[in-house]
N, C-alpha and C. Protein backbone atom coordinates (compact mmCIF):
# COMPACT_ATOMS: atom_id res chain seq x y z
N MET A 1 34.19 -136.86 -206.07
CA MET A 1 32.82 -137.19 -205.62
C MET A 1 32.40 -136.25 -204.49
N PHE A 2 33.32 -136.10 -203.51
CA PHE A 2 32.97 -135.21 -202.38
C PHE A 2 32.60 -133.81 -202.82
N TRP A 3 33.41 -133.23 -203.80
CA TRP A 3 33.17 -131.87 -204.21
C TRP A 3 31.87 -131.73 -205.00
N LYS A 4 31.49 -132.81 -205.72
CA LYS A 4 30.19 -132.77 -206.43
C LYS A 4 28.98 -132.64 -205.48
N ILE A 5 29.08 -133.39 -204.39
CA ILE A 5 28.03 -133.34 -203.38
C ILE A 5 28.01 -132.00 -202.70
N VAL A 6 29.15 -131.48 -202.27
CA VAL A 6 29.16 -130.18 -201.62
C VAL A 6 28.76 -129.08 -202.54
N GLY A 7 29.22 -129.11 -203.76
CA GLY A 7 28.80 -128.11 -204.78
C GLY A 7 27.32 -128.14 -205.05
N THR A 8 26.75 -129.30 -205.17
CA THR A 8 25.29 -129.43 -205.33
C THR A 8 24.58 -128.88 -204.16
N LEU A 9 24.91 -129.22 -202.98
CA LEU A 9 24.29 -128.67 -201.77
C LEU A 9 24.38 -127.19 -201.72
N ILE A 10 25.53 -126.63 -202.03
CA ILE A 10 25.66 -125.16 -201.96
C ILE A 10 24.72 -124.50 -202.99
N VAL A 11 24.61 -125.06 -204.17
CA VAL A 11 23.66 -124.51 -205.18
C VAL A 11 22.23 -124.60 -204.72
N VAL A 12 21.86 -125.74 -204.14
CA VAL A 12 20.49 -125.95 -203.64
C VAL A 12 20.15 -124.92 -202.48
N TRP A 13 21.14 -124.76 -201.55
CA TRP A 13 20.91 -123.88 -200.41
C TRP A 13 20.80 -122.39 -200.91
N LEU A 14 21.60 -122.11 -201.91
CA LEU A 14 21.60 -120.77 -202.47
C LEU A 14 20.27 -120.46 -203.15
N ALA A 15 19.74 -121.48 -203.91
CA ALA A 15 18.40 -121.33 -204.53
C ALA A 15 17.32 -121.14 -203.48
N PHE A 16 17.33 -121.87 -202.42
CA PHE A 16 16.35 -121.69 -201.32
C PHE A 16 16.44 -120.32 -200.75
N THR A 17 17.65 -119.80 -200.54
CA THR A 17 17.83 -118.54 -199.91
C THR A 17 17.23 -117.45 -200.87
N VAL A 18 17.58 -117.48 -202.15
CA VAL A 18 17.06 -116.53 -203.15
C VAL A 18 15.48 -116.61 -203.14
N LEU A 19 15.01 -117.81 -203.28
CA LEU A 19 13.51 -117.97 -203.26
C LEU A 19 12.89 -117.41 -202.05
N GLY A 20 13.49 -117.57 -200.91
CA GLY A 20 12.93 -117.10 -199.68
C GLY A 20 12.89 -115.58 -199.65
N PHE A 21 13.92 -114.90 -200.16
CA PHE A 21 13.98 -113.52 -200.22
C PHE A 21 12.99 -112.92 -201.26
N VAL A 22 12.79 -113.68 -202.32
CA VAL A 22 11.88 -113.19 -203.42
C VAL A 22 10.41 -113.26 -203.02
N VAL A 23 10.07 -114.37 -202.34
CA VAL A 23 8.65 -114.53 -201.86
C VAL A 23 8.64 -114.14 -200.41
N LYS A 24 7.98 -113.02 -200.17
CA LYS A 24 8.04 -112.43 -198.81
C LYS A 24 7.47 -113.33 -197.74
N GLY A 25 6.52 -114.16 -198.04
CA GLY A 25 5.95 -115.03 -197.09
C GLY A 25 6.86 -116.20 -196.70
N LEU A 26 7.94 -116.39 -197.47
CA LEU A 26 8.82 -117.52 -197.20
C LEU A 26 10.19 -117.01 -196.66
N PHE A 27 10.12 -115.99 -195.83
CA PHE A 27 11.39 -115.47 -195.27
C PHE A 27 12.09 -116.50 -194.49
N TRP A 28 11.39 -117.37 -193.80
CA TRP A 28 11.97 -118.42 -193.01
C TRP A 28 12.85 -119.42 -193.90
N LEU A 29 12.41 -119.58 -195.15
CA LEU A 29 13.21 -120.41 -196.08
C LEU A 29 14.47 -119.75 -196.43
N ALA A 30 14.48 -118.39 -196.52
CA ALA A 30 15.76 -117.67 -196.75
C ALA A 30 16.73 -117.81 -195.59
N VAL A 31 16.18 -117.82 -194.36
CA VAL A 31 17.08 -117.95 -193.22
C VAL A 31 17.67 -119.30 -193.11
N ILE A 32 16.77 -120.36 -193.29
CA ILE A 32 17.27 -121.71 -193.27
C ILE A 32 18.27 -122.00 -194.38
N GLY A 33 17.90 -121.48 -195.60
CA GLY A 33 18.85 -121.72 -196.75
C GLY A 33 20.20 -121.01 -196.56
N GLY A 34 20.20 -119.85 -195.96
CA GLY A 34 21.48 -119.12 -195.66
C GLY A 34 22.25 -119.86 -194.59
N VAL A 35 21.67 -120.35 -193.62
CA VAL A 35 22.39 -121.13 -192.52
C VAL A 35 22.99 -122.35 -193.12
N LEU A 36 22.20 -123.12 -193.89
CA LEU A 36 22.67 -124.33 -194.54
C LEU A 36 23.78 -124.09 -195.52
N PHE A 37 23.61 -123.01 -196.29
CA PHE A 37 24.65 -122.58 -197.23
C PHE A 37 25.97 -122.32 -196.53
N LEU A 38 25.99 -121.54 -195.52
CA LEU A 38 27.19 -121.28 -194.77
C LEU A 38 27.78 -122.53 -194.07
N GLY A 39 26.94 -123.37 -193.55
CA GLY A 39 27.35 -124.62 -192.97
C GLY A 39 28.03 -125.55 -193.92
N THR A 40 27.40 -125.69 -195.08
CA THR A 40 27.98 -126.56 -196.11
C THR A 40 29.31 -125.99 -196.67
N ALA A 41 29.36 -124.70 -196.82
CA ALA A 41 30.59 -124.10 -197.29
C ALA A 41 31.71 -124.25 -196.26
N ALA A 42 31.42 -124.11 -195.00
CA ALA A 42 32.43 -124.34 -193.99
C ALA A 42 32.83 -125.75 -193.90
N TYR A 43 31.94 -126.65 -193.99
CA TYR A 43 32.24 -128.09 -193.90
C TYR A 43 33.16 -128.44 -195.13
N GLY A 44 32.79 -128.00 -196.32
CA GLY A 44 33.61 -128.27 -197.49
C GLY A 44 35.03 -127.68 -197.41
N ALA A 45 35.15 -126.48 -196.77
CA ALA A 45 36.45 -125.88 -196.59
C ALA A 45 37.31 -126.66 -195.57
N ILE A 46 36.69 -127.12 -194.51
CA ILE A 46 37.43 -127.87 -193.53
C ILE A 46 37.81 -129.22 -194.06
N LYS A 47 36.91 -129.95 -194.68
CA LYS A 47 37.24 -131.22 -195.27
C LYS A 47 38.13 -131.18 -196.44
N GLY A 48 38.05 -130.07 -197.22
CA GLY A 48 38.86 -129.93 -198.43
C GLY A 48 40.35 -129.69 -198.03
N ARG A 49 40.58 -129.10 -196.91
CA ARG A 49 41.97 -128.81 -196.43
C ARG A 49 42.74 -130.14 -196.32
N GLY A 50 42.09 -131.14 -195.74
CA GLY A 50 42.72 -132.47 -195.51
C GLY A 50 42.96 -133.23 -196.77
N ASP A 51 42.06 -133.03 -197.80
CA ASP A 51 42.16 -133.77 -199.06
C ASP A 51 43.32 -133.34 -199.89
N SER A 52 43.69 -132.07 -199.86
CA SER A 52 44.77 -131.58 -200.68
C SER A 52 46.13 -132.23 -200.26
N LYS A 53 46.21 -132.60 -198.99
CA LYS A 53 47.49 -133.28 -198.53
C LYS A 53 47.55 -134.66 -199.04
N ARG A 54 46.42 -135.31 -199.18
CA ARG A 54 46.45 -136.70 -199.68
C ARG A 54 46.69 -136.76 -201.15
N LEU A 55 46.20 -135.81 -201.89
CA LEU A 55 46.36 -135.75 -203.35
C LEU A 55 47.83 -135.49 -203.76
N ASN A 56 48.50 -134.62 -203.01
CA ASN A 56 49.93 -134.27 -203.32
C ASN A 56 50.83 -134.75 -202.19
N PRO A 57 51.43 -135.99 -202.35
CA PRO A 57 52.27 -136.51 -201.27
C PRO A 57 53.53 -135.77 -201.11
């Protein structure tokens, strides 16, 4: 369940980033999307490290 949410968020942030770069007037959307993408990826990597220990005792 956790990975579905993180994966969905990463796809959404990536879409915002691409849309922001394509539409010149929405450059701020690209910046926000990029920051949120990196934040979500980092959060997933940090939380994912602890999950692997619980799955394999």
